[in-house]
Structures are given as structure tokens and as C-alpha cells.
Amino acid sequence: MSQNVIWFENLRMTDVESVGGKNASLGEMISQLTEKGVRVPTGFATTAEAYRTFLAHNGLSERISQALAALDVDDVTELARVGKEIRQWILETPFPAALDADIETAWNKMVADAGSDQISVAVRSSATAEDLPDASFAGQQETFLNINGLENVKEAMRHVFASLYNDRAISYRVHKGFAHDIVALSAGVQRMVRSDSGAAGVMFSIDTESGFEDVVFVTASYGLGETVVQGAVNPDEFYVHKPTLRAGKPAILRKTMGSKLIKMTFTDSAQAGKSVQVVDVPEQERKQFSISNEEITELAKYALIIEEHYGRPMDIEWG
């Protein structure tokens, strides 16, 4: 397959320039840690090269450059108007034929591998900028969950590409003195696990408060992990002792129950912006832990494997 699209299993951390940090890290885990028992849903990423080809297509980048050249970003009203106009141009521009065909081929392979076209994917932005330590800030991160169907996937990708020109990202680049075209975006398309009917969260291979290295800190709440990532929910919290875990003994040190008032679930619509909803958690479920001791232990083991591979403390979203 061309260099418009690369499967995660063919990516490594060294591919940051091509697919951004987020997608390179997913590729690293899928290509290197699957055989060690770490389960990461697969998928593919569009490349920075594909993004730049898309912008060069139909004179899009020239129009964007002209619109931005005359913009005073401190004029908030004008920033909002120009930003919206640029994002609309991106959403209305079809992909170049080769990129369009590559995305369709990749999507069809995902469907064939799944044995069904009723698959849900997450479409995420992953910013890439050579020699720029904070590329993720120069490009605004967008995530679309529970997307299904080729046309909806392509629409979500265009929303991802357009996110590089939201008001905050434009203003940030101008104030930092970065050229707008220094940052490119990679769109990652990844199979989703149905954590909306279970639980999800974030875990850390270190105690985030004290820096103590001998514990895994796991947070968990019902539904999709986005509520935990955004800090919109008070999750359950668990501490697991690493040396005891390595010795194969019961290793959970502490369990703290969170209020878990809300959860994010899938809707019946698989379109960007309409595919998830936030609902209240029934009172009975709030009063119990969202995951079992066995699941806490399994997650902590994954954290050990991942930390060992990367050689540094890691934060890991799980579902």
C-alpha cells in the first residue's frame, strides 16, 4: 500500500514524523507487544505526506495561506470568522483520488478482517511537526468515537484535518511564531472495543502524586474512557504493588470508590459529532466498583509490560 496509509502493525516510535506521536505509539505497542500478551485493537493511519497532498489539492493551501496572511489573531471576531471559513473549506474539499482509494482499500480490509461491516472505529488526530517539541499544542487534538461506514470515516478524517485550523490552534501558532504549514496531521482509524457497555479509564505505571515507582495506579469508570480522560467523572481508583505482582501474589494495595455519576455510551448514529452520548449511571452501579480484582490485576500486568518496553513511566488509556 502507498505511503498515504500505513497499518499500525507496520509502525514504530521512529515514525513520529510520518504519523505523529499518538499513532506511532499505538503502532509501537501493536507491532512489539502483541506477542507479550498486550491487546491493542488494530487499525491504520494516514500520513503527514497524505495530509500535505490533500492541502495542495484544489488550491486549498493557497486559499488558507491568503486568508491567514491578512488575519490579526488578536481580533477575536475576525479570528472566529476566518477559522470557521477555513475549516469549512477543508470539510468541503474531496480527498485526492489516490488517497481516497487508499482509505477505501484500508477500510474494506478492516471490514473483511472483522467479518462484518458493523464495526465501530475511533478516528483520532495525531499531530506531527519536525523539530517541534510541543507539536500536540500547535495542532488541536480531535477524537471521534463510534464511527461506522466508509463515508462517515472519511468525514471524520476531514474534521480531524480541519481541527488544525480551529481558533486556538491558529492563535497559538501565530503567538509562538510557527509557520502554519510546519504542522501536519495524521488521522488514526482504530477498531473500538465496546467499553461503553463495560468500563474504561487511564492507568499510570507510577504513583502520579508522589512519584513512587513501585505501584501501578489504575483509574476506572463506566462507559467510554473519554469521561475519565477529560476529568468529567470521579472514577474508582486502585493501587497495585509492582514487586508483589511480579512475585505472582495478590497485589492490590488500596481501592477507593468514585462517585461515577455519568458515563459516555454509543448512540445509534455513526456520524462525527452524533455518535456518543452522556447518560446518568444507575445508583446501584455507582455503589460498586466498575472493575473486578481480576481485571485490576490484568491491567496492572499490562502496565508492567508496557513500562518495561518503553523504559520509562507510562500513562495508558484502556477499555
Protein backbone atom coordinates (compact mmCIF):
# COMPACT_ATOMS: atom_id res chain seq x y z
CA MET A 1 0.00 0.00 0.00
CA SER A 2 1.20 3.52 -0.77
CA GLN A 3 2.56 5.93 1.79
CA ASN A 4 -0.81 7.64 2.14
CA VAL A 5 -1.90 4.97 4.60
CA ILE A 6 0.16 2.76 6.97
CA TRP A 7 -1.21 -0.07 9.14
CA PHE A 8 -0.45 0.26 12.86
CA GLU A 9 1.40 -3.06 12.92
CA ASN A 10 3.91 -1.59 10.43
CA LEU A 11 4.61 1.49 12.57
CA ARG A 12 7.23 2.08 15.28
CA MET A 13 8.04 5.01 17.60
CA THR A 14 10.57 6.12 14.98
CA ASP A 15 7.66 7.00 12.64
CA VAL A 16 6.62 10.11 14.62
CA GLU A 17 7.43 12.42 11.69
CA SER A 18 5.15 10.43 9.43
CA VAL A 19 2.15 9.73 11.68
CA GLY A 20 2.60 11.82 14.84
CA GLY A 21 3.26 10.69 18.41
CA LYS A 22 -0.12 9.15 19.20
CA ASN A 23 -0.30 6.90 16.13
CA ALA A 24 3.41 5.99 16.31
CA SER A 25 2.93 4.87 19.91
CA LEU A 26 -0.11 2.75 19.00
CA GLY A 27 1.95 1.16 16.24
CA GLU A 28 4.84 0.50 18.63
CA MET A 29 2.55 -1.36 21.04
CA ILE A 30 0.76 -3.35 18.35
CA SER A 31 3.94 -4.34 16.48
CA GLN A 32 6.09 -5.02 19.55
CA LEU A 33 3.86 -6.00 22.47
CA THR A 34 1.08 -8.14 20.98
CA GLU A 35 3.22 -11.27 21.37
CA LYS A 36 3.75 -10.35 25.04
CA GLY A 37 0.00 -10.51 25.60
CA VAL A 38 -0.86 -6.79 25.47
CA ARG A 39 -4.08 -6.48 23.49
CA VAL A 40 -4.41 -3.29 21.42
CA PRO A 41 -7.11 -3.01 18.72
CA THR A 42 -5.60 -2.57 15.27
CA GLY A 43 -6.19 -0.07 12.51
CA PHE A 44 -4.37 2.31 10.17
CA ALA A 45 -3.12 5.88 9.99
CA THR A 46 -2.95 8.41 7.18
CA THR A 47 0.48 10.01 6.84
CA ALA A 48 1.70 13.59 7.09
CA GLU A 49 2.51 13.26 3.39
CA ALA A 50 -1.16 12.41 2.68
CA TYR A 51 -2.27 15.48 4.66
CA ARG A 52 0.06 17.77 2.74
CA THR A 53 -1.06 16.26 -0.58
CA PHE A 54 -4.68 16.87 0.46
CA LEU A 55 -3.96 20.54 1.27
CA ALA A 56 -2.10 21.04 -2.01
CA HIS A 57 -5.13 19.63 -3.84
CA ASN A 58 -7.66 22.03 -5.44
CA GLY A 59 -5.58 25.06 -4.41
CA LEU A 60 -6.64 24.63 -0.78
CA SER A 61 -3.31 25.58 0.84
CA GLU A 62 -3.05 28.80 -1.23
CA ARG A 63 -6.52 29.89 -0.12
CA ILE A 64 -5.67 29.09 3.50
CA SER A 65 -2.34 30.98 3.33
CA GLN A 66 -4.02 34.06 1.84
CA ALA A 67 -6.78 34.04 4.47
CA LEU A 68 -4.25 33.73 7.32
CA ALA A 69 -1.75 36.27 5.93
CA ALA A 70 -4.24 39.11 6.40
CA LEU A 71 -5.53 37.92 9.79
CA ASP A 72 -4.99 39.76 13.08
CA VAL A 73 -5.38 36.89 15.58
CA ASP A 74 -5.98 39.30 18.46
CA ASP A 75 -9.22 40.38 16.77
CA VAL A 76 -11.32 37.57 18.25
CA THR A 77 -14.33 38.13 16.00
CA GLU A 78 -12.21 38.06 12.85
CA LEU A 79 -10.26 35.00 14.11
CA ALA A 80 -13.55 33.14 14.63
CA ARG A 81 -14.81 34.12 11.16
CA VAL A 82 -11.62 33.18 9.27
CA GLY A 83 -11.12 29.98 11.29
CA LYS A 84 -14.66 28.83 10.56
CA GLU A 85 -14.26 29.65 6.85
CA ILE A 86 -11.01 27.65 6.57
CA ARG A 87 -12.48 24.65 8.41
CA GLN A 88 -15.49 24.72 6.08
CA TRP A 89 -13.20 24.72 3.01
CA ILE A 90 -11.40 21.64 4.36
CA LEU A 91 -14.68 19.82 5.11
CA GLU A 92 -15.96 20.53 1.58
CA THR A 93 -12.79 19.52 -0.29
CA PRO A 94 -12.82 15.92 -1.56
CA PHE A 95 -9.73 13.79 -0.98
CA PRO A 96 -7.32 13.40 -3.94
CA ALA A 97 -8.23 10.24 -5.90
CA ALA A 98 -5.21 8.19 -4.76
CA LEU A 99 -5.77 8.99 -1.06
CA ASP A 100 -9.49 8.31 -1.41
CA ALA A 101 -8.78 4.91 -2.97
CA ASP A 102 -6.20 4.01 -0.28
CA ILE A 103 -8.63 4.87 2.54
CA GLU A 104 -11.34 2.78 0.88
CA THR A 105 -8.94 -0.19 0.47
CA ALA A 106 -7.87 0.05 4.12
CA TRP A 107 -11.47 0.33 5.36
CA ASN A 108 -12.54 -2.66 3.25
CA LYS A 109 -9.69 -4.70 4.76
CA MET A 110 -10.81 -3.75 8.29
CA VAL A 111 -14.35 -4.86 7.45
CA ALA A 112 -13.11 -8.11 5.87
CA ASP A 113 -10.85 -8.87 8.87
CA ALA A 114 -13.77 -8.25 11.24
CA GLY A 115 -16.14 -10.39 9.16
CA SER A 116 -18.77 -7.65 9.41
CA ASP A 117 -19.33 -4.10 8.21
CA GLN A 118 -20.95 -3.23 11.56
CA ILE A 119 -17.68 -2.22 13.18
CA SER A 120 -17.12 0.90 15.26
CA VAL A 121 -13.89 2.83 14.99
CA ALA A 122 -12.29 5.81 16.70
CA VAL A 123 -10.87 8.45 14.36
CA ARG A 124 -8.17 10.50 16.12
CA SER A 125 -5.77 13.27 15.22
CA SER A 126 -2.07 12.83 15.78
CA ALA A 127 -0.01 15.99 15.18
CA THR A 128 3.41 15.83 13.63
CA ALA A 129 5.99 18.58 13.30
CA GLU A 130 9.68 18.07 12.74
CA ASP A 131 11.90 19.56 15.45
CA LEU A 132 8.92 20.92 17.37
CA PRO A 133 8.74 19.60 20.94
CA ASP A 134 5.15 20.67 21.51
CA ALA A 135 3.53 19.72 18.20
CA SER A 136 0.48 18.48 20.06
CA PHE A 137 -0.22 22.03 21.22
CA ALA A 138 0.43 23.53 17.80
CA GLY A 139 -2.27 21.22 16.45
CA GLN A 140 -5.51 20.78 18.36
CA GLN A 141 -6.31 17.15 19.19
CA GLU A 142 -9.65 15.83 17.94
CA THR A 143 -11.23 12.44 18.62
CA PHE A 144 -14.39 10.99 17.07
CA LEU A 145 -15.72 7.79 18.64
CA ASN A 146 -18.12 5.10 17.37
CA ILE A 147 -17.76 5.95 13.68
CA ASN A 148 -19.01 3.39 11.17
CA GLY A 149 -19.14 3.22 7.37
CA LEU A 150 -16.65 4.48 4.79
CA GLU A 151 -18.30 7.87 4.16
CA ASN A 152 -18.59 8.61 7.89
CA VAL A 153 -14.93 7.64 8.40
CA LYS A 154 -13.85 9.99 5.60
CA GLU A 155 -15.99 12.81 7.02
CA ALA A 156 -14.45 12.29 10.49
CA MET A 157 -10.97 12.40 8.89
CA ARG A 158 -11.78 15.74 7.28
CA HIS A 159 -12.94 17.02 10.69
CA VAL A 160 -9.58 15.85 12.09
CA PHE A 161 -7.71 17.68 9.32
CA ALA A 162 -9.83 20.81 9.87
CA SER A 163 -9.05 20.79 13.60
CA LEU A 164 -5.56 22.09 12.84
CA TYR A 165 -7.29 25.37 11.97
CA ASN A 166 -9.51 25.83 14.99
CA ASP A 167 -9.24 29.28 16.58
CA ARG A 168 -6.99 28.24 19.49
CA ALA A 169 -4.52 26.37 17.25
CA ILE A 170 -4.26 29.27 14.75
CA SER A 171 -3.71 31.79 17.56
CA TYR A 172 -1.18 29.55 19.32
CA ARG A 173 0.98 29.15 16.20
CA VAL A 174 0.97 32.89 15.49
CA HIS A 175 1.94 33.81 19.06
CA LYS A 176 4.72 31.20 19.06
CA GLY A 177 5.99 32.34 15.67
CA PHE A 178 5.40 28.96 13.99
CA ALA A 179 4.53 28.81 10.29
CA HIS A 180 1.05 27.32 9.91
CA ASP A 181 2.29 24.67 7.49
CA ILE A 182 5.02 23.38 9.85
CA VAL A 183 2.46 21.09 11.49
CA ALA A 184 0.79 18.21 9.66
CA LEU A 185 -1.91 15.86 10.87
CA SER A 186 -2.21 12.11 10.74
CA ALA A 187 -5.67 10.59 11.17
CA GLY A 188 -5.65 7.29 13.06
CA VAL A 189 -8.53 4.87 12.46
CA GLN A 190 -8.72 2.21 15.19
CA ARG A 191 -11.22 -0.54 15.99
CA MET A 192 -13.16 0.23 19.15
CA VAL A 193 -13.84 -2.21 21.95
CA ARG A 194 -17.35 -1.96 23.40
CA SER A 195 -16.21 -0.44 26.68
CA ASP A 196 -19.38 1.66 26.61
CA SER A 197 -21.15 -1.45 27.93
CA GLY A 198 -18.37 -2.09 30.50
CA ALA A 199 -15.68 0.15 31.94
CA ALA A 200 -12.62 2.11 30.83
CA GLY A 201 -10.08 4.52 32.23
CA VAL A 202 -6.46 5.56 32.46
CA MET A 203 -3.61 3.88 34.33
CA PHE A 204 -0.14 5.05 35.29
CA SER A 205 2.91 2.87 35.92
CA ILE A 206 3.90 5.17 38.79
CA ASP A 207 2.09 6.99 41.62
CA THR A 208 1.23 10.33 39.99
CA GLU A 209 1.04 12.17 43.34
CA SER A 210 4.31 11.12 44.98
CA GLY A 211 6.36 9.74 42.08
CA PHE A 212 6.66 6.41 43.96
CA GLU A 213 7.75 3.87 41.33
CA ASP A 214 6.66 0.59 42.92
CA VAL A 215 2.93 0.93 42.26
CA VAL A 216 0.58 0.93 39.29
CA PHE A 217 -2.21 3.50 39.71
CA VAL A 218 -5.42 2.48 37.86
CA THR A 219 -8.49 4.70 37.38
CA ALA A 220 -11.76 3.20 36.11
CA SER A 221 -15.32 4.29 35.42
CA TYR A 222 -18.32 3.00 33.46
CA GLY A 223 -18.63 3.60 29.73
CA LEU A 224 -16.08 5.02 27.33
CA GLY A 225 -12.79 6.26 28.80
CA GLU A 226 -13.25 9.77 27.41
CA THR A 227 -15.06 10.92 30.60
CA VAL A 228 -12.04 9.88 32.71
CA VAL A 229 -9.52 11.43 30.28
CA GLN A 230 -11.44 14.73 30.28
CA GLY A 231 -11.84 14.72 34.06
CA ALA A 232 -15.63 14.82 33.67
CA VAL A 233 -16.21 11.99 36.13
CA ASN A 234 -14.88 10.97 39.55
CA PRO A 235 -13.55 7.43 38.84
CA ASP A 236 -12.73 4.43 41.01
CA GLU A 237 -9.02 4.36 41.94
CA PHE A 238 -6.77 1.37 42.61
CA TYR A 239 -3.14 0.96 43.66
CA VAL A 240 -1.29 -2.25 42.77
CA HIS A 241 2.13 -3.12 44.28
CA LYS A 242 4.58 -4.00 41.49
CA PRO A 243 7.06 -6.27 43.37
CA THR A 244 4.19 -8.36 44.80
CA LEU A 245 2.55 -8.52 41.35
CA ARG A 246 5.82 -9.72 39.80
CA ALA A 247 6.00 -12.40 42.51
CA GLY A 248 2.59 -13.66 41.35
CA LYS A 249 0.82 -12.83 44.62
CA PRO A 250 -2.34 -10.75 45.31
CA ALA A 251 -1.02 -7.21 44.91
CA ILE A 252 -3.89 -4.72 45.23
CA LEU A 253 -2.91 -2.25 47.95
CA ARG A 254 -5.85 0.12 48.01
CA LYS A 255 -9.28 0.57 46.40
CA THR A 256 -11.18 3.87 46.50
CA MET A 257 -14.72 4.08 45.14
CA GLY A 258 -15.50 7.10 42.95
CA SER A 259 -18.97 8.63 42.51
CA LYS A 260 -19.13 7.64 38.77
CA LEU A 261 -22.22 9.82 38.20
CA ILE A 262 -22.17 9.76 34.39
CA LYS A 263 -20.95 7.58 31.55
CA MET A 264 -20.43 8.05 27.83
CA THR A 265 -22.06 5.45 25.56
CA PHE A 266 -22.58 4.88 21.83
CA THR A 267 -25.66 6.24 20.08
CA ASP A 268 -27.31 4.68 17.03
CA SER A 269 -25.76 7.34 14.79
CA ALA A 270 -22.26 6.65 13.50
CA GLN A 271 -21.54 10.18 12.25
CA ALA A 272 -18.91 12.57 13.61
CA GLY A 273 -20.42 14.70 16.36
CA LYS A 274 -23.51 12.50 16.82
CA SER A 275 -22.04 9.11 17.70
CA VAL A 276 -21.80 9.25 21.51
CA GLN A 277 -23.97 10.46 24.37
CA VAL A 278 -23.54 11.09 28.10
CA VAL A 279 -26.06 9.40 30.41
CA ASP A 280 -26.51 9.03 34.18
CA VAL A 281 -25.19 5.87 35.86
CA PRO A 282 -27.88 3.95 37.82
CA GLU A 283 -27.46 4.43 41.58
CA GLN A 284 -26.89 0.72 42.25
CA GLU A 285 -23.92 0.64 39.83
CA ARG A 286 -22.39 3.78 41.37
CA LYS A 287 -22.17 1.95 44.71
CA GLN A 288 -19.99 -0.85 43.35
CA PHE A 289 -16.54 -0.93 41.78
CA SER A 290 -16.57 -0.69 37.98
CA ILE A 291 -13.97 -3.46 37.51
CA SER A 292 -13.12 -6.68 39.39
CA ASN A 293 -9.92 -7.55 41.26
CA GLU A 294 -9.00 -9.89 38.38
CA GLU A 295 -9.37 -7.06 35.86
CA ILE A 296 -7.36 -4.64 38.05
CA THR A 297 -4.56 -7.23 38.23
CA GLU A 298 -4.65 -7.90 34.46
CA LEU A 299 -4.42 -4.17 33.73
CA ALA A 300 -1.50 -3.73 36.14
CA LYS A 301 0.36 -6.58 34.39
CA TYR A 302 -0.11 -4.77 31.05
CA ALA A 303 1.29 -1.60 32.66
CA LEU A 304 4.41 -3.51 33.76
CA ILE A 305 5.00 -4.91 30.25
CA ILE A 306 4.46 -1.53 28.59
CA GLU A 307 6.71 0.33 31.07
CA GLU A 308 9.44 -2.27 30.64
CA HIS A 309 9.29 -1.92 26.86
CA TYR A 310 9.48 1.87 26.84
CA GLY A 311 11.95 2.07 29.74
CA ARG A 312 10.10 4.91 31.47
CA PRO A 313 6.90 5.58 33.43
CA MET A 314 3.85 5.46 31.16
CA ASP A 315 0.25 6.63 31.18
CA ILE A 316 -2.06 4.27 29.30
CA GLU A 317 -5.68 4.62 28.23
CA TRP A 318 -7.53 1.31 28.47
CA GLY A 319 -11.01 -0.05 27.71
